C-alpha atoms as a PDB file:
ATOM      1  CA  MET A   1       9.816   0.545 -40.219  1.00  0.00           C
ATOM      2  CA  ILE A   2       7.400   2.057 -37.698  1.00  0.00           C
ATOM      3  CA  LYS A   3       6.285   5.572 -38.573  1.00  0.00           C
ATOM      4  CA  ILE A   4       6.647   7.775 -35.504  1.00  0.00           C
ATOM      5  CA  ARG A   5       4.042  10.540 -35.285  1.00  0.00           C
ATOM      6  CA  ALA A   6       3.748  13.440 -32.855  1.00  0.00           C
ATOM      7  CA  ILE A   7       0.303  12.264 -31.679  1.00  0.00           C
ATOM      8  CA  PRO A   8      -0.217   8.515 -32.142  1.00  0.00           C
ATOM      9  CA  ASP A   9      -3.641   6.951 -32.598  1.00  0.00           C
ATOM     10  CA  ILE A  10      -5.379   5.488 -29.557  1.00  0.00           C
ATOM     11  CA  PRO A  11      -5.634   1.689 -29.844  1.00  0.00           C
ATOM     12  CA  PRO A  12      -9.309   0.557 -29.983  1.00  0.00           C
ATOM     13  CA  LYS A  13      -8.740  -1.833 -27.060  1.00  0.00           C
ATOM     14  CA  LEU A  14      -7.735   1.132 -24.894  1.00  0.00           C
ATOM     15  CA  ILE A  15     -11.009   2.878 -25.747  1.00  0.00           C
ATOM     16  CA  ASP A  16     -12.879  -0.312 -24.835  1.00  0.00           C
ATOM     17  CA  ALA A  17     -11.052  -0.454 -21.509  1.00  0.00           C
ATOM     18  CA  VAL A  18     -12.064   3.148 -20.774  1.00  0.00           C
ATOM     19  CA  LYS A  19     -15.702   2.394 -21.558  1.00  0.00           C
ATOM     20  CA  LYS A  20     -15.632  -0.584 -19.191  1.00  0.00           C
ATOM     21  CA  GLU A  21     -13.781   1.431 -16.493  1.00  0.00           C
ATOM     22  CA  ASP A  22     -11.088  -1.194 -16.813  1.00  0.00           C
ATOM     23  CA  LEU A  23      -8.026   0.982 -17.524  1.00  0.00           C
ATOM     24  CA  VAL A  24      -5.025   1.279 -15.203  1.00  0.00           C
ATOM     25  CA  ILE A  25      -2.436   3.970 -15.944  1.00  0.00           C
ATOM     26  CA  PHE A  26       1.079   3.388 -14.624  1.00  0.00           C
ATOM     27  CA  PHE A  27       3.192   6.544 -14.650  1.00  0.00           C
ATOM     28  CA  GLY A  28       6.823   6.955 -13.703  1.00  0.00           C
ATOM     29  CA  ALA A  29       9.557   9.550 -13.304  1.00  0.00           C
ATOM     30  CA  GLY A  30       9.347  10.508 -16.991  1.00  0.00           C
ATOM     31  CA  VAL A  31       6.022  12.200 -16.215  1.00  0.00           C
ATOM     32  CA  SER A  32       7.107  14.125 -13.109  1.00  0.00           C
ATOM     33  CA  GLN A  33      10.353  15.226 -14.795  1.00  0.00           C
ATOM     34  CA  ILE A  34       8.279  17.358 -17.170  1.00  0.00           C
ATOM     35  CA  ILE A  35       7.270  19.602 -14.243  1.00  0.00           C
ATOM     36  CA  GLY A  36      10.788  19.803 -12.834  1.00  0.00           C
ATOM     37  CA  CYS A  37      11.062  16.782 -10.549  1.00  0.00           C
ATOM     38  CA  PRO A  38      14.338  14.847 -10.683  1.00  0.00           C
ATOM     39  CA  SER A  39      14.931  11.670 -12.643  1.00  0.00           C
ATOM     40  CA  TRP A  40      15.759   8.534 -10.663  1.00  0.00           C
ATOM     41  CA  ARG A  41      19.466   9.191 -11.343  1.00  0.00           C
ATOM     42  CA  GLU A  42      19.195  12.829 -10.232  1.00  0.00           C
ATOM     43  CA  PHE A  43      17.374  11.695  -7.095  1.00  0.00           C
ATOM     44  CA  SER A  44      20.230   9.329  -6.259  1.00  0.00           C
ATOM     45  CA  LYS A  45      22.743  12.124  -6.917  1.00  0.00           C
ATOM     46  CA  ALA A  46      21.073  14.236  -4.211  1.00  0.00           C
ATOM     47  CA  TYR A  47      21.765  11.402  -1.745  1.00  0.00           C
ATOM     48  CA  LEU A  48      25.368  11.102  -2.941  1.00  0.00           C
ATOM     49  CA  ASN A  49      25.793  14.846  -2.438  1.00  0.00           C
ATOM     50  CA  LYS A  50      24.835  14.306   1.199  1.00  0.00           C
ATOM     51  CA  LEU A  51      27.538  11.648   1.584  1.00  0.00           C
ATOM     52  CA  LEU A  52      30.050  14.111   0.178  1.00  0.00           C
ATOM     53  CA  GLU A  53      28.764  16.919   2.398  1.00  0.00           C
ATOM     54  CA  TYR A  54      29.097  14.701   5.494  1.00  0.00           C
ATOM     55  CA  ARG A  55      32.560  13.529   4.295  1.00  0.00           C
ATOM     56  CA  LEU A  56      31.423   9.939   4.296  1.00  0.00           C
ATOM     57  CA  VAL A  57      33.008   9.475   0.846  1.00  0.00           C
ATOM     58  CA  ASN A  58      35.836  11.218  -0.970  1.00  0.00           C
ATOM     59  CA  TYR A  59      35.594  12.747  -4.453  1.00  0.00           C
ATOM     60  CA  PHE A  60      36.919   9.644  -6.189  1.00  0.00           C
ATOM     61  CA  GLU A  61      34.306   7.427  -4.516  1.00  0.00           C
ATOM     62  CA  TYR A  62      31.626  10.017  -5.226  1.00  0.00           C
ATOM     63  CA  GLU A  63      32.465  10.093  -8.935  1.00  0.00           C
ATOM     64  CA  GLN A  64      32.485   6.295  -9.132  1.00  0.00           C
ATOM     65  CA  LEU A  65      29.124   5.944  -7.399  1.00  0.00           C
ATOM     66  CA  LEU A  66      27.602   8.530  -9.741  1.00  0.00           C
ATOM     67  CA  LYS A  67      28.216   6.087 -12.599  1.00  0.00           C
ATOM     68  CA  LYS A  68      26.451   3.174 -10.900  1.00  0.00           C
ATOM     69  CA  ASP A  69      22.838   2.103 -11.216  1.00  0.00           C
ATOM     70  CA  PRO A  70      20.750   4.567  -9.178  1.00  0.00           C
ATOM     71  CA  ARG A  71      19.232   1.827  -7.029  1.00  0.00           C
ATOM     72  CA  MET A  72      22.695   0.544  -6.137  1.00  0.00           C
ATOM     73  CA  ALA A  73      23.873   4.069  -5.304  1.00  0.00           C
ATOM     74  CA  LEU A  74      20.791   4.751  -3.180  1.00  0.00           C
ATOM     75  CA  THR A  75      21.187   1.460  -1.316  1.00  0.00           C
ATOM     76  CA  ILE A  76      24.783   2.370  -0.438  1.00  0.00           C
ATOM     77  CA  CYS A  77      23.800   5.919   0.545  1.00  0.00           C
ATOM     78  CA  GLN A  78      20.949   4.800   2.768  1.00  0.00           C
ATOM     79  CA  LYS A  79      23.149   2.255   4.529  1.00  0.00           C
ATOM     80  CA  MET A  80      25.963   4.757   5.154  1.00  0.00           C
ATOM     81  CA  LEU A  81      23.594   7.452   6.394  1.00  0.00           C
ATOM     82  CA  GLU A  82      21.963   5.025   8.833  1.00  0.00           C
ATOM     83  CA  GLU A  83      25.322   3.786  10.133  1.00  0.00           C
ATOM     84  CA  SER A  84      26.603   7.331  10.658  1.00  0.00           C
ATOM     85  CA  GLY A  85      23.361   8.642  12.160  1.00  0.00           C
ATOM     86  CA  LYS A  86      23.177  11.369   9.519  1.00  0.00           C
ATOM     87  CA  LEU A  87      19.963  12.675   7.971  1.00  0.00           C
ATOM     88  CA  PRO A  88      19.166  12.011   4.290  1.00  0.00           C
ATOM     89  CA  PRO A  89      18.011  14.810   1.982  1.00  0.00           C
ATOM     90  CA  ASN A  90      14.362  15.825   2.380  1.00  0.00           C
ATOM     91  CA  PRO A  91      12.400  13.990  -0.391  1.00  0.00           C
ATOM     92  CA  ALA A  92       9.610  16.591  -0.259  1.00  0.00           C
ATOM     93  CA  GLU A  93      12.105  19.343  -1.145  1.00  0.00           C
ATOM     94  CA  LEU A  94      13.645  17.285  -3.956  1.00  0.00           C
ATOM     95  CA  LEU A  95      10.246  16.530  -5.487  1.00  0.00           C
ATOM     96  CA  GLN A  96       8.442  19.860  -5.202  1.00  0.00           C
ATOM     97  CA  GLY A  97       8.798  20.580  -8.937  1.00  0.00           C
ATOM     98  CA  ILE A  98       8.922  23.978 -10.622  1.00  0.00           C
ATOM     99  CA  PRO A  99       5.752  26.051 -10.016  1.00  0.00           C
ATOM    100  CA  GLU A 100       5.928  27.713 -13.440  1.00  0.00           C
ATOM    101  CA  LYS A 101       6.050  24.345 -15.211  1.00  0.00           C
ATOM    102  CA  ILE A 102       3.269  22.903 -13.054  1.00  0.00           C
ATOM    103  CA  LYS A 103       1.048  25.861 -13.947  1.00  0.00           C
ATOM    104  CA  GLU A 104       2.057  25.887 -17.626  1.00  0.00           C
ATOM    105  CA  HIS A 105       1.472  22.218 -18.385  1.00  0.00           C
ATOM    106  CA  ARG A 106      -1.406  21.306 -16.034  1.00  0.00           C
ATOM    107  CA  LEU A 107      -0.257  17.799 -16.823  1.00  0.00           C
ATOM    108  CA  TYR A 108      -1.947  15.896 -14.040  1.00  0.00           C
ATOM    109  CA  GLU A 109      -5.283  17.622 -14.598  1.00  0.00           C
ATOM    110  CA  ALA A 110      -5.213  16.321 -18.178  1.00  0.00           C
ATOM    111  CA  LEU A 111      -4.165  12.847 -17.055  1.00  0.00           C
ATOM    112  CA  TYR A 112      -6.989  12.702 -14.521  1.00  0.00           C
ATOM    113  CA  LYS A 113      -9.523  13.106 -17.353  1.00  0.00           C
ATOM    114  CA  PHE A 114      -8.747   9.552 -18.454  1.00  0.00           C
ATOM    115  CA  ASN A 115     -10.841   8.452 -15.447  1.00  0.00           C
ATOM    116  CA  ALA A 116      -8.629   5.451 -14.883  1.00  0.00           C
ATOM    117  CA  ILE A 117      -7.111   3.775 -11.867  1.00  0.00           C
ATOM    118  CA  PHE A 118      -3.783   5.569 -11.412  1.00  0.00           C
ATOM    119  CA  VAL A 119      -0.700   3.714 -10.203  1.00  0.00           C
ATOM    120  CA  THR A 120       2.681   5.351  -9.790  1.00  0.00           C
ATOM    121  CA  THR A 121       6.176   4.437  -8.670  1.00  0.00           C
ATOM    122  CA  ASN A 122       6.785   8.149  -7.961  1.00  0.00           C
ATOM    123  CA  PHE A 123       6.954   9.556  -4.428  1.00  0.00           C
ATOM    124  CA  ASP A 124       5.731  13.091  -5.161  1.00  0.00           C
ATOM    125  CA  ASN A 125       2.213  14.344  -4.387  1.00  0.00           C
ATOM    126  CA  HIS A 126       1.429  16.341  -7.550  1.00  0.00           C
ATOM    127  CA  MET A 127      -1.209  13.862  -8.728  1.00  0.00           C
ATOM    128  CA  ASP A 128      -2.509  13.667  -5.155  1.00  0.00           C
ATOM    129  CA  ASP A 129      -3.399  17.365  -5.333  1.00  0.00           C
ATOM    130  CA  VAL A 130      -5.516  16.790  -8.448  1.00  0.00           C
ATOM    131  CA  VAL A 131      -7.270  13.757  -6.962  1.00  0.00           C
ATOM    132  CA  LYS A 132      -8.151  15.775  -3.846  1.00  0.00           C
ATOM    133  CA  LYS A 133      -9.519  18.661  -5.936  1.00  0.00           C
ATOM    134  CA  ASN A 134     -11.794  16.299  -7.835  1.00  0.00           C
ATOM    135  CA  ARG A 135     -13.131  14.417  -4.840  1.00  0.00           C
ATOM    136  CA  PRO A 136     -16.903  14.246  -4.572  1.00  0.00           C
ATOM    137  CA  ARG A 137     -18.482  15.760  -1.495  1.00  0.00           C
ATOM    138  CA  PRO A 138     -18.106  13.608   1.626  1.00  0.00           C
ATOM    139  CA  VAL A 139     -20.593  10.778   1.598  1.00  0.00           C
ATOM    140  CA  VAL A 140     -22.793   9.943   4.583  1.00  0.00           C
ATOM    141  CA  ALA A 141     -21.533   6.987   6.528  1.00  0.00           C
ATOM    142  CA  ALA A 142     -24.986   6.190   7.850  1.00  0.00           C
ATOM    143  CA  ALA A 143     -26.812   6.199   4.500  1.00  0.00           C
ATOM    144  CA  ALA A 144     -29.435   3.771   5.770  1.00  0.00           C
ATOM    145  CA  ALA A 145     -30.281   6.095   8.648  1.00  0.00           C
ATOM    146  CA  VAL A 146     -30.755   8.992   6.251  1.00  0.00           C
ATOM    147  CA  ALA A 147     -33.110   6.913   4.133  1.00  0.00           C
ATOM    148  CA  GLU A 148     -35.244   6.344   7.230  1.00  0.00           C
ATOM    149  CA  GLY A 149     -35.365  10.055   8.035  1.00  0.00           C
ATOM    150  CA  GLU A 150     -32.982   9.935  10.989  1.00  0.00           C
ATOM    151  CA  LYS A 151     -30.625  12.850  11.687  1.00  0.00           C
ATOM    152  CA  VAL A 152     -26.955  12.335  10.952  1.00  0.00           C
ATOM    153  CA  LEU A 153     -24.301  14.349  12.782  1.00  0.00           C
ATOM    154  CA  ALA A 154     -21.451  16.051  10.915  1.00  0.00           C
ATOM    155  CA  ASP A 155     -18.874  13.662  12.335  1.00  0.00           C
ATOM    156  CA  GLU A 156     -20.771  10.750  10.808  1.00  0.00           C
ATOM    157  CA  THR A 157     -19.677  11.825   7.341  1.00  0.00           C
ATOM    158  CA  LEU A 158     -16.484  10.675   5.700  1.00  0.00           C
ATOM    159  CA  THR A 159     -14.298  11.505   2.744  1.00  0.00           C
ATOM    160  CA  PRO A 160     -13.799   8.498   0.459  1.00  0.00           C
ATOM    161  CA  GLN A 161     -10.299   7.071   0.612  1.00  0.00           C
ATOM    162  CA  ASP A 162      -8.829   7.383  -2.863  1.00  0.00           C
ATOM    163  CA  ILE A 163      -5.066   7.809  -2.263  1.00  0.00           C
ATOM    164  CA  PHE A 164      -3.144   4.756  -1.076  1.00  0.00           C
ATOM    165  CA  TYR A 165       0.518   4.319  -0.175  1.00  0.00           C
ATOM    166  CA  ALA A 166       0.816   2.266   3.026  1.00  0.00           C
ATOM    167  CA  GLU A 167       1.380  -1.474   2.606  1.00  0.00           C
ATOM    168  CA  GLU A 168      -1.791  -2.359   4.489  1.00  0.00           C
ATOM    169  CA  GLU A 169      -3.838  -0.115   2.154  1.00  0.00           C
ATOM    170  CA  LEU A 170      -2.724  -1.736  -1.097  1.00  0.00           C
ATOM    171  CA  LEU A 171      -5.688  -4.075  -1.471  1.00  0.00           C
ATOM    172  CA  ILE A 172      -7.817  -5.125  -4.428  1.00  0.00           C
ATOM    173  CA  THR A 173     -10.545  -2.757  -3.165  1.00  0.00           C
ATOM    174  CA  ALA A 174      -8.186   0.143  -3.997  1.00  0.00           C
ATOM    175  CA  LEU A 175      -8.903  -0.520  -7.675  1.00  0.00           C
ATOM    176  CA  SER A 176     -11.562   2.141  -8.108  1.00  0.00           C
ATOM    177  CA  ASN A 177     -11.534   4.631 -10.963  1.00  0.00           C
ATOM    178  CA  GLY A 178     -10.117   8.000  -9.943  1.00  0.00           C
ATOM    179  CA  SER A 179      -8.037   6.419  -7.180  1.00  0.00           C
ATOM    180  CA  LEU A 180      -4.267   6.833  -6.917  1.00  0.00           C
ATOM    181  CA  ILE A 181      -1.915   4.107  -5.713  1.00  0.00           C
ATOM    182  CA  HIS A 182       1.688   4.934  -4.745  1.00  0.00           C
ATOM    183  CA  LEU A 183       3.429   1.578  -5.115  1.00  0.00           C
ATOM    184  CA  HIS A 184       6.732   2.735  -3.641  1.00  0.00           C
ATOM    185  CA  GLY A 185       5.412   5.034  -0.946  1.00  0.00           C
ATOM    186  CA  SER A 186       4.750   8.750  -0.687  1.00  0.00           C
ATOM    187  CA  ILE A 187       6.518  11.807   0.678  1.00  0.00           C
ATOM    188  CA  GLU A 188       3.588  11.925   3.124  1.00  0.00           C
ATOM    189  CA  ASP A 189       5.378   9.042   4.876  1.00  0.00           C
ATOM    190  CA  PRO A 190       9.098   9.567   4.067  1.00  0.00           C
ATOM    191  CA  GLU A 191      10.344   6.878   6.450  1.00  0.00           C
ATOM    192  CA  ASN A 192       8.698   4.130   4.378  1.00  0.00           C
ATOM    193  CA  LEU A 193       9.783   5.029   0.846  1.00  0.00           C
ATOM    194  CA  VAL A 194      10.931   2.101  -1.297  1.00  0.00           C
ATOM    195  CA  ILE A 195      14.419   3.324  -2.155  1.00  0.00           C
ATOM    196  CA  THR A 196      16.926   0.528  -1.647  1.00  0.00           C
ATOM    197  CA  LEU A 197      17.187  -2.900  -3.232  1.00  0.00           C
ATOM    198  CA  PRO A 198      16.230  -4.670   0.050  1.00  0.00           C
ATOM    199  CA  ASP A 199      13.151  -2.391   0.259  1.00  0.00           C
ATOM    200  CA  TYR A 200      12.129  -3.402  -3.229  1.00  0.00           C
ATOM    201  CA  ILE A 201      12.653  -7.125  -2.661  1.00  0.00           C
ATOM    202  CA  ALA A 202      10.673  -7.030   0.592  1.00  0.00           C
ATOM    203  CA  LYS A 203       7.703  -5.239  -1.005  1.00  0.00           C
ATOM    204  CA  TYR A 204       7.327  -7.598  -3.959  1.00  0.00           C
ATOM    205  CA  LYS A 205       7.862 -10.989  -2.385  1.00  0.00           C
ATOM    206  CA  GLU A 206       5.033 -13.466  -2.787  1.00  0.00           C
ATOM    207  CA  GLY A 207       2.177 -13.032  -0.339  1.00  0.00           C
ATOM    208  CA  THR A 208       2.574  -9.273   0.143  1.00  0.00           C
ATOM    209  CA  ASN A 209      -0.186  -6.822  -0.751  1.00  0.00           C
ATOM    210  CA  HIS A 210       2.085  -5.344  -3.448  1.00  0.00           C
ATOM    211  CA  HIS A 211       2.471  -8.746  -5.079  1.00  0.00           C
ATOM    212  CA  ASP A 212      -1.222  -9.623  -4.959  1.00  0.00           C
ATOM    213  CA  LEU A 213      -2.395  -6.198  -6.131  1.00  0.00           C
ATOM    214  CA  LEU A 214      -0.084  -6.123  -9.147  1.00  0.00           C
ATOM    215  CA  GLU A 215      -0.923  -9.690 -10.056  1.00  0.00           C
ATOM    216  CA  SER A 216      -4.620  -8.755 -10.093  1.00  0.00           C
ATOM    217  CA  ILE A 217      -3.968  -5.617 -12.159  1.00  0.00           C
ATOM    218  CA  PHE A 218      -1.868  -7.279 -14.824  1.00  0.00           C
ATOM    219  CA  ASN A 219      -4.099 -10.322 -15.164  1.00  0.00           C
ATOM    220  CA  LYS A 220      -7.497  -8.607 -15.092  1.00  0.00           C
ATOM    221  CA  LYS A 221      -7.040  -5.016 -16.270  1.00  0.00           C
ATOM    222  CA  THR A 222      -5.754  -3.171 -19.331  1.00  0.00           C
ATOM    223  CA  VAL A 223      -2.598  -1.248 -18.450  1.00  0.00           C
ATOM    224  CA  LEU A 224      -1.117   1.841 -20.095  1.00  0.00           C
ATOM    225  CA  PHE A 225       2.479   2.659 -19.113  1.00  0.00           C
ATOM    226  CA  MET A 226       3.841   6.179 -19.525  1.00  0.00           C
ATOM    227  CA  GLY A 227       6.943   7.957 -18.283  1.00  0.00           C
ATOM    228  CA  TYR A 228       9.036   4.782 -18.181  1.00  0.00           C
ATOM    229  CA  GLY A 229      12.242   4.417 -20.168  1.00  0.00           C
ATOM    230  CA  LEU A 230      12.874   1.259 -22.165  1.00  0.00           C
ATOM    231  CA  GLU A 231      15.654   0.449 -19.702  1.00  0.00           C
ATOM    232  CA  GLU A 232      13.353   0.523 -16.654  1.00  0.00           C
ATOM    233  CA  TYR A 233      12.437  -3.111 -16.139  1.00  0.00           C
ATOM    234  CA  ASP A 234      11.172  -3.135 -12.543  1.00  0.00           C
ATOM    235  CA  ILE A 235       7.479  -3.420 -13.406  1.00  0.00           C
ATOM    236  CA  ILE A 236       8.114  -5.315 -16.644  1.00  0.00           C
ATOM    237  CA  GLU A 237       9.993  -8.038 -14.765  1.00  0.00           C
ATOM    238  CA  PHE A 238       6.966  -8.500 -12.551  1.00  0.00           C
ATOM    239  CA  LEU A 239       4.845  -8.995 -15.661  1.00  0.00           C
ATOM    240  CA  ILE A 240       7.180 -11.669 -16.957  1.00  0.00           C
ATOM    241  CA  LYS A 241       7.243 -13.610 -13.696  1.00  0.00           C
ATOM    242  CA  LYS A 242       3.709 -13.264 -12.372  1.00  0.00           C
ATOM    243  CA  SER A 243       1.107 -12.406 -15.005  1.00  0.00           C
ATOM    244  CA  GLU A 244      -0.769 -14.802 -17.230  1.00  0.00           C
ATOM    245  CA  VAL A 245       0.767 -13.416 -20.415  1.00  0.00           C
ATOM    246  CA  VAL A 246      -0.241 -15.226 -23.589  1.00  0.00           C
ATOM    247  CA  SER A 247       2.420 -14.778 -26.260  1.00  0.00           C
ATOM    248  CA  GLY A 248       1.116 -12.668 -29.105  1.00  0.00           C
ATOM    249  CA  GLU A 249      -1.985 -11.443 -27.248  1.00  0.00           C
ATOM    250  CA  ILE A 250      -1.761  -7.706 -26.622  1.00  0.00           C
ATOM    251  CA  LYS A 251      -3.214  -6.853 -23.216  1.00  0.00           C
ATOM    252  CA  HIS A 252      -1.193  -3.799 -22.228  1.00  0.00           C
ATOM    253  CA  TYR A 253       0.342  -0.703 -23.837  1.00  0.00           C
ATOM    254  CA  MET A 254       3.373   1.548 -23.374  1.00  0.00           C
ATOM    255  CA  LEU A 255       3.687   5.153 -24.571  1.00  0.00           C
ATOM    256  CA  GLN A 256       7.298   5.727 -25.539  1.00  0.00           C
ATOM    257  CA  GLY A 257       8.971   8.915 -26.754  1.00  0.00           C
ATOM    258  CA  ALA A 258      11.367   8.492 -29.668  1.00  0.00           C
ATOM    259  CA  PHE A 259      13.020  10.471 -32.440  1.00  0.00           C
ATOM    260  CA  LYS A 260      11.672  10.048 -35.946  1.00  0.00           C
ATOM    261  CA  GLU A 261      14.968   8.453 -36.976  1.00  0.00           C
ATOM    262  CA  GLU A 262      14.433   5.644 -34.457  1.00  0.00           C
ATOM    263  CA  GLY A 263      11.649   3.913 -36.392  1.00  0.00           C
ATOM    264  CA  ASN A 264      13.712   0.762 -36.987  1.00  0.00           C
ATOM    265  CA  MET A 265      14.732   0.537 -33.329  1.00  0.00           C
ATOM    266  CA  MET A 266      11.131   0.984 -32.181  1.00  0.00           C
ATOM    267  CA  GLU A 267      10.155  -1.887 -34.461  1.00  0.00           C
ATOM    268  CA  LEU A 268      12.807  -4.094 -32.873  1.00  0.00           C
ATOM    269  CA  TYR A 269      11.778  -3.107 -29.346  1.00  0.00           C
ATOM    270  CA  SER A 270       8.137  -3.795 -30.291  1.00  0.00           C
ATOM    271  CA  LYS A 271       9.020  -7.403 -31.070  1.00  0.00           C
ATOM    272  CA  TYR A 272      10.423  -7.847 -27.574  1.00  0.00           C
ATOM    273  CA  TYR A 273       7.551  -6.157 -25.749  1.00  0.00           C
ATOM    274  CA  GLY A 274       5.052  -7.998 -27.916  1.00  0.00           C
ATOM    275  CA  THR A 275       6.172 -11.264 -26.325  1.00  0.00           C
ATOM    276  CA  LEU A 276       5.114  -9.763 -22.979  1.00  0.00           C
ATOM    277  CA  GLY A 277       1.668  -8.822 -24.268  1.00  0.00           C
ATOM    278  CA  ILE A 278       2.639  -5.132 -24.475  1.00  0.00           C
ATOM    279  CA  GLU A 279       2.158  -2.947 -27.539  1.00  0.00           C
ATOM    280  CA  LEU A 280       4.737  -0.178 -27.803  1.00  0.00           C
ATOM    281  CA  ILE A 281       3.178   3.133 -28.901  1.00  0.00           C
ATOM    282  CA  PRO A 282       5.929   5.535 -29.958  1.00  0.00           C
ATOM    283  CA  TYR A 283       5.403   9.273 -30.288  1.00  0.00           C
ATOM    284  CA  SER A 284       7.829  11.771 -31.798  1.00  0.00           C
ATOM    285  CA  LYS A 285       9.830  13.926 -29.402  1.00  0.00           C
ATOM    286  CA  THR A 286      11.868  15.457 -32.246  1.00  0.00           C
ATOM    287  CA  LYS A 287      10.366  18.957 -31.887  1.00  0.00           C
ATOM    288  CA  LYS A 288       9.409  19.258 -28.208  1.00  0.00           C
ATOM    289  CA  GLY A 289      11.588  16.679 -26.504  1.00  0.00           C
ATOM    290  CA  TYR A 290      10.149  15.126 -23.355  1.00  0.00           C
ATOM    291  CA  ASP A 291       7.431  17.809 -23.211  1.00  0.00           C
ATOM    292  CA  GLN A 292       5.730  16.100 -26.176  1.00  0.00           C
ATOM    293  CA  LEU A 293       4.207  13.637 -23.701  1.00  0.00           C
ATOM    294  CA  VAL A 294       2.069  16.522 -22.397  1.00  0.00           C
ATOM    295  CA  SER A 295       0.646  17.055 -25.892  1.00  0.00           C
ATOM    296  CA  VAL A 296      -0.074  13.345 -26.270  1.00  0.00           C
ATOM    297  CA  ILE A 297      -1.845  13.141 -22.906  1.00  0.00           C
ATOM    298  CA  LYS A 298      -3.964  16.217 -23.631  1.00  0.00           C
ATOM    299  CA  ALA A 299      -4.884  15.032 -27.150  1.00  0.00           C
ATOM    300  CA  TRP A 300      -5.819  11.571 -25.893  1.00  0.00           C
ATOM    301  CA  ALA A 301      -7.758  13.028 -22.951  1.00  0.00           C
ATOM    302  CA  LYS A 302      -9.972  14.986 -25.363  1.00  0.00           C
ATOM    303  CA  LYS A 303     -10.807  11.841 -27.331  1.00  0.00           C
ATOM    304  CA  ILE A 304     -11.201   9.591 -24.317  1.00  0.00           C
ATOM    305  CA  GLY A 305     -13.196  12.118 -22.262  1.00  0.00           C
ATOM    306  CA  PRO A 306     -16.635  11.341 -23.771  1.00  0.00           C
ATOM    307  CA  TYR A 307     -16.193   7.651 -22.924  1.00  0.00           C
ATOM    308  CA  SER A 308     -15.004   8.195 -19.357  1.00  0.00           C
ATOM    309  CA  ALA A 309     -17.822   9.973 -17.520  1.00  0.00           C
ATOM    310  CA  ARG A 310     -17.350   9.326 -13.815  1.00  0.00           C
ATOM    311  CA  LYS A 311     -19.927   7.416 -11.847  1.00  0.00           C
ATOM    312  CA  PRO A 312     -20.951   8.937  -8.494  1.00  0.00           C
ATOM    313  CA  PHE A 313     -18.807   7.612  -5.656  1.00  0.00           C
ATOM    314  CA  ILE A 314     -21.815   6.200  -3.815  1.00  0.00           C
ATOM    315  CA  GLU A 315     -22.622   4.060  -6.872  1.00  0.00           C
ATOM    316  CA  LYS A 316     -19.056   2.747  -6.913  1.00  0.00           C
ATOM    317  CA  ARG A 317     -19.255   2.039  -3.214  1.00  0.00           C
ATOM    318  CA  LYS A 318     -22.331  -0.114  -3.804  1.00  0.00           C
ATOM    319  CA  LEU A 319     -20.466  -2.066  -6.460  1.00  0.00           C
ATOM    320  CA  LEU A 320     -17.567  -2.678  -4.097  1.00  0.00           C
ATOM    321  CA  ASP A 321     -19.950  -3.769  -1.346  1.00  0.00           C
ATOM    322  CA  GLU A 322     -21.549  -6.260  -3.740  1.00  0.00           C
ATOM    323  CA  VAL A 323     -18.108  -7.687  -4.521  1.00  0.00           C
ATOM    324  CA  ASP A 324     -17.326  -7.963  -0.804  1.00  0.00           C
END
């Protein structure tokens, strides 16, 4: 039986990935819930509430749809709202979080210390705020001119692009440490959020930037998942279908909260995920519940910090130019 500890050990391969600047952290709704954002099911309920408010469904239909898979419910809601010309709920309002919890946990500040490439299926902009705070000063676009002693005007400077959410932005060159990739869109562009099943299918079909970017990540990088329930298979299914997974070879990791009594179940789940090249890393949520993930992130950040000193952006830019 797997022994479930409050703070699990960091796998050596994860440390190696940090040293090589080869780590990608995927985080889902289980992270943003800690600061008061809704779960995927709660998000879908907000849309169903709108249908009820607009009298597009009755109470019986509302109760039945509440029991369905959130993506199914959201697909139905979106379709009915479009057909009736009614406005959906404001995603920015739903995802603003609770200020007291944001201040108390400082969760994303701790996560940023991993100095990884950050990828999220969340829409909110809480991690965006941290990325913006930690941006280096704007770099000079005309670096060669500066080297030759020429004057450079203020408008010839630029801020490095490090937050990506539009389809055309999701390129391999987005894979730079400290960057944030919103796979399913951002509240900065609410009209293009990936909410319904057709949205999801369209984004991940072969030949799209989403498809190519994820294929590159899963085949070439070390991935750490956090904030995803064992029942959330969206990203895992992509791994099964598209990545070069070698059975028995651990390439990726998943932090998973569990109660101490669930040691046997975690061992069984580990067998399944092991066939996908994923090592399940359980941590005990017996005392703190879902908030224990904050303690794990902060403890790991302290240990990983010395190995993850950030390179200046201009140095990274040179590396990208060499690749191009």
